[in-house]
């Protein structure tokens, strides 16, 4: 998956992110947070994550949700995105090596 994409969220992506944050807020443990804090949480998430491609933000939330039942912080999502980028690079390297090996086998046959 290509992680080198446009670096600002479109207004449609901001709306999707807002809805996704609200869903997480409702579904995950939010220890000590009140419903009124959702707006502040949403704004902080959007400010912090605005330079990331939406598909990576979404994958970051999904990765966090698979590992935790607690509402993520922007830092949690940025960490998840960093791990996803690293995993994507490793997979790309692995596929490149496999393709190189395949070419070598084909050439030598």
C-alpha atoms as a PDB file:
ATOM      1  CA  UNK A   1       0.000   0.000   0.000  1.00  0.00           C
ATOM      2  CA  UNK A   2       1.359   3.423  -0.947  1.00  0.00           C
ATOM      3  CA  UNK A   3       2.050   5.588   2.098  1.00  0.00           C
ATOM      4  CA  UNK A   4       3.581   8.488   0.117  1.00  0.00           C
ATOM      5  CA  UNK A   5       0.404  10.383  -0.587  1.00  0.00           C
ATOM      6  CA  UNK A   6      -0.991  13.886  -0.304  1.00  0.00           C
ATOM      7  CA  UNK A   7      -0.304  15.349   3.125  1.00  0.00           C
ATOM      8  CA  UNK A   8      -3.457  17.335   3.967  1.00  0.00           C
ATOM      9  CA  UNK A   9      -6.954  16.129   4.685  1.00  0.00           C
ATOM     10  CA  UNK A  10      -9.762  17.134   2.362  1.00  0.00           C
ATOM     11  CA  UNK A  11     -12.938  18.494   3.928  1.00  0.00           C
ATOM     12  CA  UNK A  12     -14.618  15.137   3.195  1.00  0.00           C
ATOM     13  CA  UNK A  13     -11.773  13.287   4.951  1.00  0.00           C
ATOM     14  CA  UNK A  14     -12.056  15.657   7.929  1.00  0.00           C
ATOM     15  CA  UNK A  15     -15.769  14.794   8.148  1.00  0.00           C
ATOM     16  CA  UNK A  16     -14.970  11.068   7.981  1.00  0.00           C
ATOM     17  CA  UNK A  17     -12.341  11.490  10.693  1.00  0.00           C
ATOM     18  CA  UNK A  18     -14.785  13.423  12.884  1.00  0.00           C
ATOM     19  CA  UNK A  19     -17.401  10.666  12.528  1.00  0.00           C
ATOM     20  CA  UNK A  20     -14.797   7.988  13.202  1.00  0.00           C
ATOM     21  CA  UNK A  21     -13.550   9.772  16.344  1.00  0.00           C
ATOM     22  CA  UNK A  22     -17.153  10.099  17.566  1.00  0.00           C
ATOM     23  CA  UNK A  23     -17.712   6.375  16.979  1.00  0.00           C
ATOM     24  CA  UNK A  24     -14.557   5.511  18.913  1.00  0.00           C
ATOM     25  CA  UNK A  25     -15.587   7.904  21.692  1.00  0.00           C
ATOM     26  CA  UNK A  26     -18.920   6.125  22.025  1.00  0.00           C
ATOM     27  CA  UNK A  27     -17.561   2.581  21.742  1.00  0.00           C
ATOM     28  CA  UNK A  28     -14.241   2.646  23.603  1.00  0.00           C
ATOM     29  CA  UNK A  29     -13.403   3.215  27.261  1.00  0.00           C
ATOM     30  CA  UNK A  30     -12.921   6.924  27.904  1.00  0.00           C
ATOM     31  CA  UNK A  31     -12.148   6.915  31.649  1.00  0.00           C
ATOM     32  CA  UNK A  32     -13.222  10.173  33.257  1.00  0.00           C
ATOM     33  CA  UNK A  33     -14.168  12.028  30.071  1.00  0.00           C
ATOM     34  CA  UNK A  34     -17.500  13.785  29.677  1.00  0.00           C
ATOM     35  CA  UNK A  35     -19.506  13.961  26.422  1.00  0.00           C
ATOM     36  CA  UNK A  36     -18.736  17.689  26.245  1.00  0.00           C
ATOM     37  CA  UNK A  37     -15.046  16.871  25.776  1.00  0.00           C
ATOM     38  CA  UNK A  38     -15.653  15.128  22.440  1.00  0.00           C
ATOM     39  CA  UNK A  39     -15.383  18.412  20.530  1.00  0.00           C
ATOM     40  CA  UNK A  40     -11.999  19.215  22.106  1.00  0.00           C
ATOM     41  CA  UNK A  41     -10.746  15.674  21.478  1.00  0.00           C
ATOM     42  CA  UNK A  42     -11.855  15.882  17.839  1.00  0.00           C
ATOM     43  CA  UNK A  43     -10.139  19.240  17.325  1.00  0.00           C
ATOM     44  CA  UNK A  44      -6.910  17.999  18.925  1.00  0.00           C
ATOM     45  CA  UNK A  45      -6.941  14.854  16.767  1.00  0.00           C
ATOM     46  CA  UNK A  46      -7.521  16.866  13.592  1.00  0.00           C
ATOM     47  CA  UNK A  47      -4.776  19.373  14.404  1.00  0.00           C
ATOM     48  CA  UNK A  48      -2.288  16.649  15.281  1.00  0.00           C
ATOM     49  CA  UNK A  49      -3.100  14.294  12.408  1.00  0.00           C
ATOM     50  CA  UNK A  50      -3.802  16.801   9.609  1.00  0.00           C
ATOM     51  CA  UNK A  51      -0.447  16.164   7.894  1.00  0.00           C
ATOM     52  CA  UNK A  52      -1.053  12.428   7.584  1.00  0.00           C
ATOM     53  CA  UNK A  53      -2.891  10.790   4.672  1.00  0.00           C
ATOM     54  CA  UNK A  54      -6.415   9.764   5.676  1.00  0.00           C
ATOM     55  CA  UNK A  55      -5.851   6.100   4.789  1.00  0.00           C
ATOM     56  CA  UNK A  56      -2.938   5.978   7.271  1.00  0.00           C
ATOM     57  CA  UNK A  57      -4.957   7.722   9.978  1.00  0.00           C
ATOM     58  CA  UNK A  58      -7.747   5.196   9.504  1.00  0.00           C
ATOM     59  CA  UNK A  59      -5.276   2.286   9.551  1.00  0.00           C
ATOM     60  CA  UNK A  60      -3.692   3.800  12.694  1.00  0.00           C
ATOM     61  CA  UNK A  61      -7.051   3.855  14.459  1.00  0.00           C
ATOM     62  CA  UNK A  62      -7.785   0.301  13.326  1.00  0.00           C
ATOM     63  CA  UNK A  63      -4.392  -0.907  14.576  1.00  0.00           C
ATOM     64  CA  UNK A  64      -4.952   0.796  17.946  1.00  0.00           C
ATOM     65  CA  UNK A  65      -8.478  -0.612  18.300  1.00  0.00           C
ATOM     66  CA  UNK A  66      -7.218  -4.156  17.668  1.00  0.00           C
ATOM     67  CA  UNK A  67      -4.731  -3.731  20.530  1.00  0.00           C
ATOM     68  CA  UNK A  68      -6.652  -1.631  23.072  1.00  0.00           C
ATOM     69  CA  UNK A  69     -10.153  -0.958  24.365  1.00  0.00           C
ATOM     70  CA  UNK A  70      -9.235   2.590  25.420  1.00  0.00           C
ATOM     71  CA  UNK A  71      -9.888   5.734  23.362  1.00  0.00           C
ATOM     72  CA  UNK A  72      -6.602   6.541  21.595  1.00  0.00           C
ATOM     73  CA  UNK A  73      -4.722   9.794  21.988  1.00  0.00           C
ATOM     74  CA  UNK A  74      -3.222  11.575  18.976  1.00  0.00           C
ATOM     75  CA  UNK A  75       0.144  10.220  20.145  1.00  0.00           C
ATOM     76  CA  UNK A  76      -1.224   6.660  20.047  1.00  0.00           C
ATOM     77  CA  UNK A  77      -2.369   7.140  16.455  1.00  0.00           C
ATOM     78  CA  UNK A  78       0.945   8.717  15.381  1.00  0.00           C
ATOM     79  CA  UNK A  79       2.793   5.760  16.929  1.00  0.00           C
ATOM     80  CA  UNK A  80       0.504   3.332  15.117  1.00  0.00           C
ATOM     81  CA  UNK A  81       1.087   5.203  11.836  1.00  0.00           C
ATOM     82  CA  UNK A  82       4.857   5.000  12.359  1.00  0.00           C
ATOM     83  CA  UNK A  83       4.578   1.247  12.875  1.00  0.00           C
ATOM     84  CA  UNK A  84       2.378   0.885   9.776  1.00  0.00           C
ATOM     85  CA  UNK A  85       4.894   2.810   7.659  1.00  0.00           C
ATOM     86  CA  UNK A  86       7.690   0.568   8.941  1.00  0.00           C
ATOM     87  CA  UNK A  87       5.641  -2.574   8.279  1.00  0.00           C
ATOM     88  CA  UNK A  88       4.810  -1.315   4.764  1.00  0.00           C
ATOM     89  CA  UNK A  89       8.501  -0.653   4.063  1.00  0.00           C
ATOM     90  CA  UNK A  90       9.455  -4.128   5.285  1.00  0.00           C
ATOM     91  CA  UNK A  91       6.756  -5.701   3.130  1.00  0.00           C
ATOM     92  CA  UNK A  92       7.864  -3.676   0.088  1.00  0.00           C
ATOM     93  CA  UNK A  93      11.468  -4.777   0.664  1.00  0.00           C
ATOM     94  CA  UNK A  94      10.392  -8.396   1.048  1.00  0.00           C
ATOM     95  CA  UNK A  95       8.355  -8.256  -2.168  1.00  0.00           C
ATOM     96  CA  UNK A  96      11.209  -6.556  -3.997  1.00  0.00           C
ATOM     97  CA  UNK A  97      13.595  -9.304  -2.914  1.00  0.00           C
ATOM     98  CA  UNK A  98      11.111 -11.979  -3.959  1.00  0.00           C
ATOM     99  CA  UNK A  99      10.708 -10.324  -7.355  1.00  0.00           C
ATOM    100  CA  UNK A 100      14.489 -10.119  -7.707  1.00  0.00           C
ATOM    101  CA  UNK A 101      14.856 -13.786  -6.804  1.00  0.00           C
ATOM    102  CA  UNK A 102      12.078 -14.690  -9.239  1.00  0.00           C
ATOM    103  CA  UNK A 103      13.801 -12.746 -12.034  1.00  0.00           C
ATOM    104  CA  UNK A 104      17.089 -14.455 -11.205  1.00  0.00           C
ATOM    105  CA  UNK A 105      15.470 -17.900 -11.345  1.00  0.00           C
ATOM    106  CA  UNK A 106      13.727 -17.060 -14.627  1.00  0.00           C
ATOM    107  CA  UNK A 107      16.909 -15.649 -16.166  1.00  0.00           C
ATOM    108  CA  UNK A 108      19.026 -18.617 -15.124  1.00  0.00           C
ATOM    109  CA  UNK A 109      16.518 -21.225 -16.328  1.00  0.00           C
END
